[in-house]
Amino acid sequence: MMTLLPMTFAYAAGPSQLIGFGTMYGVDGPFIDSTFIRGVLGDELPWVVGSAKGSLSLDGHLQIAARGIVFKDDPSVPPELRGINDEAQFRGLVSCLIENGKKVGVVNITTAGFPATRSGDSNIDTFVTLPDQCVAPIVFVSGGKWHRQLVRCNGSPISEPSRRENTAVSRIGLSGTTWRKPAGLTRPAPVLG
C-alpha cells in the first residue's frame, strides 16, 4: 500500500468545511516502511502523485479526487510496477489527535474501498464518523484490503495495519487547530434515487 505525506497547509473553504487541500505527496524517503506519521504504515516502495484535492466537512463528508497515484520510476521499484498502480481500490483515512485524559491520543478512521485505475485515478466520496474532537486532522489515501479503525493512545497500538496499506497523505490541519463537534450535529440523510 502507499502513503502520501504532508505538503501544504490547510484552508477552510466554507462554514461547514473543516479542512480542504489541493495537493498530496507520495510516500518516499524516510517515510517508506515507516509509521512515523500517526502510526500509519507507509508502503515499502516509493509512490508519486499526479494531483489530489479534497475536503472534509464538519459532518464527516470526505471527498478526494486523486489522479496519477502510481509507483515511482525508481531503481527500488521492480520494473514491471514503475509508473502504475497495482491496487484495485483506494481508501480514505482521516487521522485526528484527541484528548485522552491528560495525554494525547490518535484516532484513525478508514473508509470503504473505492475503485482505482491502473493509472492511479480514484474518487472517494463518503462520510466518516469524526470523534467529538479532532485536533490537527490529516487525510491519507491508502490501498490494500485494510478496513479497520486503528486507535493509538500514548503510543500503544490497539490494532496494527498490515503491510502495503497507505498510499497518500496530505496534511490538512494547522498545529493547534481543534474542532469540537457541536451538540446535535448529525450527518444529513442520504438522498436515494
Protein backbone atom coordinates (compact mmCIF):
# COMPACT_ATOMS: atom_id res chain seq x y z
CA MET A 1 0.00 0.00 0.00
CA MET A 2 1.08 3.62 -0.33
CA THR A 3 1.09 6.80 1.73
CA LEU A 4 1.22 10.47 0.79
CA LEU A 5 2.91 12.92 3.12
CA PRO A 6 2.18 16.44 4.40
CA MET A 7 2.95 19.07 1.81
CA THR A 8 0.67 22.07 2.15
CA PHE A 9 -1.21 23.97 4.80
CA ALA A 10 -4.95 23.67 5.16
CA TYR A 11 -7.60 26.16 4.31
CA ALA A 12 -11.21 26.33 5.37
CA ALA A 13 -13.33 26.98 2.30
CA GLY A 14 -16.72 27.41 3.88
CA PRO A 15 -18.67 27.43 7.12
CA SER A 16 -19.36 23.68 7.03
CA GLN A 17 -15.89 22.66 5.85
CA LEU A 18 -13.41 21.53 8.48
CA ILE A 19 -10.47 21.42 6.05
CA GLY A 20 -9.60 21.40 2.37
CA PHE A 21 -6.44 20.52 0.44
CA GLY A 22 -5.12 20.83 -3.09
CA THR A 23 -2.10 18.53 -3.11
CA MET A 24 -0.63 15.35 -1.64
CA TYR A 25 2.86 13.89 -1.52
CA GLY A 26 3.71 10.28 -2.36
CA VAL A 27 5.42 8.06 0.18
CA ASP A 28 9.17 8.41 -0.33
CA GLY A 29 12.49 8.73 1.51
CA PRO A 30 12.28 8.24 5.30
CA PHE A 31 8.52 7.66 5.14
CA ILE A 32 8.93 4.37 3.25
CA ASP A 33 8.05 1.44 5.51
CA SER A 34 7.63 3.85 8.43
CA THR A 35 4.87 4.54 10.96
CA PHE A 36 6.27 7.99 11.73
CA ILE A 37 3.03 9.83 10.90
CA ARG A 38 0.35 8.90 13.44
CA GLY A 39 1.15 5.19 13.30
CA VAL A 40 0.03 4.89 9.67
CA LEU A 41 2.35 2.48 7.87
CA GLY A 42 3.93 3.78 4.65
CA ASP A 43 4.47 1.41 1.75
CA GLU A 44 7.77 -0.41 1.36
CA LEU A 45 8.14 1.13 -2.12
CA PRO A 46 8.03 4.81 -3.21
CA TRP A 47 4.94 6.37 -4.84
CA VAL A 48 4.25 9.62 -6.69
CA VAL A 49 1.05 11.65 -7.03
CA GLY A 50 -0.05 13.40 -10.20
CA SER A 51 -2.68 15.51 -8.42
CA ALA A 52 -5.03 15.31 -5.47
CA LYS A 53 -7.60 17.61 -3.98
CA GLY A 54 -10.34 17.21 -1.47
CA SER A 55 -12.17 18.32 1.64
CA LEU A 56 -13.54 17.16 4.96
CA SER A 57 -16.76 18.72 6.26
CA LEU A 58 -17.83 19.16 9.87
CA ASP A 59 -20.41 16.40 9.39
CA GLY A 60 -17.69 13.95 8.26
CA HIS A 61 -18.24 14.24 4.49
CA LEU A 62 -14.89 13.25 2.94
CA GLN A 63 -14.23 13.94 -0.74
CA ILE A 64 -10.94 13.17 -2.50
CA ALA A 65 -10.20 13.36 -6.24
CA ALA A 66 -6.86 11.62 -6.80
CA ARG A 67 -5.11 11.33 -10.16
CA GLY A 68 -1.89 9.54 -11.06
CA ILE A 69 -1.07 7.85 -7.74
CA VAL A 70 1.45 5.31 -9.02
CA PHE A 71 4.74 3.65 -8.14
CA LYS A 72 7.72 5.94 -8.64
CA ASP A 73 10.14 5.39 -11.53
CA ASP A 74 12.94 4.42 -9.15
CA PRO A 75 15.53 1.60 -9.05
CA SER A 76 14.00 0.32 -5.78
CA VAL A 77 10.71 -0.39 -7.60
CA PRO A 78 10.51 -3.56 -9.72
CA PRO A 79 10.46 -2.55 -13.42
CA GLU A 80 7.00 -4.07 -14.01
CA LEU A 81 5.48 -1.81 -11.30
CA ARG A 82 7.06 1.53 -12.23
CA GLY A 83 4.51 4.12 -13.30
CA ILE A 84 1.43 2.04 -12.45
CA ASN A 85 -0.96 1.44 -9.57
CA ASP A 86 -1.40 -2.23 -8.65
CA GLU A 87 -4.28 -1.66 -6.20
CA ALA A 88 -7.91 -2.27 -7.26
CA GLN A 89 -9.23 0.14 -4.62
CA PHE A 90 -8.14 3.21 -2.68
CA ARG A 91 -9.49 4.15 0.73
CA GLY A 92 -9.55 7.42 2.61
CA LEU A 93 -8.13 7.63 6.12
CA VAL A 94 -8.75 10.57 8.46
CA SER A 95 -6.39 10.94 11.41
CA CYS A 96 -7.26 13.14 14.40
CA LEU A 97 -5.45 13.94 17.62
CA ILE A 98 -7.74 13.66 20.64
CA GLU A 99 -7.61 14.32 24.36
CA ASN A 100 -7.06 11.10 26.29
CA GLY A 101 -7.19 12.21 29.89
CA LYS A 102 -4.08 14.35 30.33
CA LYS A 103 -2.41 12.75 27.32
CA VAL A 104 -2.80 12.97 23.56
CA GLY A 105 -4.26 10.08 21.61
CA VAL A 106 -4.70 9.40 17.91
CA VAL A 107 -7.84 8.18 16.17
CA ASN A 108 -7.51 6.95 12.58
CA ILE A 109 -10.73 6.26 10.68
CA THR A 110 -10.71 4.40 7.35
CA THR A 111 -13.35 4.36 4.64
CA ALA A 112 -14.60 1.54 2.49
CA GLY A 113 -12.71 0.99 -0.77
CA PHE A 114 -13.39 2.99 -3.93
CA PRO A 115 -12.40 1.83 -7.44
CA ALA A 116 -8.87 2.82 -8.52
CA THR A 117 -7.50 2.57 -12.06
CA ARG A 118 -4.15 1.18 -13.15
CA SER A 119 -3.16 4.80 -13.88
CA GLY A 120 -3.83 5.67 -10.22
CA ASP A 121 -7.10 7.60 -10.53
CA SER A 122 -9.85 7.39 -7.91
CA ASN A 123 -12.74 9.43 -6.50
CA ILE A 124 -13.55 8.95 -2.83
CA ASP A 125 -16.88 10.41 -1.70
CA THR A 126 -18.19 9.16 1.63
CA PHE A 127 -18.93 10.02 5.24
CA VAL A 128 -16.75 9.17 8.25
CA THR A 129 -17.73 9.43 11.90
CA LEU A 130 -15.43 12.02 13.42
CA PRO A 131 -14.56 11.87 17.11
CA ASP A 132 -16.07 14.54 19.36
CA GLN A 133 -12.81 16.47 18.98
CA CYS A 134 -10.42 16.43 16.04
CA VAL A 135 -7.16 18.32 16.50
CA ALA A 136 -4.79 18.76 13.52
CA PRO A 137 -6.60 16.41 11.10
CA ILE A 138 -4.62 14.66 8.36
CA VAL A 139 -6.12 12.87 5.35
CA PHE A 140 -4.44 9.84 3.78
CA VAL A 141 -5.22 7.83 0.66
CA SER A 142 -4.49 4.15 1.09
CA GLY A 143 -4.80 0.97 -0.92
CA GLY A 144 -4.89 -2.70 0.02
CA LYS A 145 -7.51 -4.64 1.88
CA TRP A 146 -7.21 -2.93 5.27
CA HIS A 147 -10.60 -1.81 6.55
CA ARG A 148 -10.24 -1.36 10.30
CA GLN A 149 -10.09 1.58 12.63
CA LEU A 150 -6.67 1.97 14.22
CA VAL A 151 -6.56 3.75 17.55
CA ARG A 152 -3.32 4.70 19.29
CA CYS A 153 -3.29 6.11 22.77
CA ASN A 154 0.02 7.04 24.37
CA GLY A 155 1.88 5.23 21.58
CA SER A 156 0.38 1.81 22.35
CA PRO A 157 -1.46 0.31 19.39
CA ILE A 158 -4.85 -1.28 19.90
CA SER A 159 -4.68 -2.79 16.42
CA GLU A 160 -1.98 -2.66 13.77
CA PRO A 161 -2.33 -2.34 10.00
CA SER A 162 -0.80 -4.87 7.68
CA ARG A 163 1.81 -4.01 5.05
CA ARG A 164 1.12 -2.06 1.84
CA GLU A 165 -1.74 -0.07 3.27
CA ASN A 166 -1.11 3.60 2.91
CA THR A 167 -0.80 5.38 -0.33
CA ALA A 168 -1.03 9.07 0.25
CA VAL A 169 -1.30 11.61 3.00
CA SER A 170 -1.99 15.30 2.88
CA ARG A 171 -1.68 17.48 5.94
CA ILE A 172 -4.83 19.45 6.07
CA GLY A 173 -4.74 20.84 9.58
CA LEU A 174 -2.63 23.51 11.22
CA SER A 175 -0.90 22.79 14.53
CA GLY A 176 -3.26 23.62 17.34
CA THR A 177 -6.35 23.61 15.12
CA THR A 178 -9.12 22.00 17.13
CA TRP A 179 -12.64 21.10 16.18
CA ARG A 180 -15.25 20.03 18.68
CA LYS A 181 -18.46 18.56 17.37
CA PRO A 182 -21.34 20.93 18.16
CA ALA A 183 -24.13 19.35 20.20
CA GLY A 184 -26.84 17.99 17.97
CA LEU A 185 -24.74 17.91 14.75
CA THR A 186 -25.72 14.89 12.71
CA ARG A 187 -24.97 13.61 9.27
CA PRO A 188 -27.58 14.55 6.66
CA ALA A 189 -29.89 11.80 5.46
CA PRO A 190 -28.70 10.18 2.23
CA VAL A 191 -30.52 11.09 -0.96
CA LEU A 192 -31.84 7.98 -2.67
CA GLY A 193 -32.67 7.66 -6.32
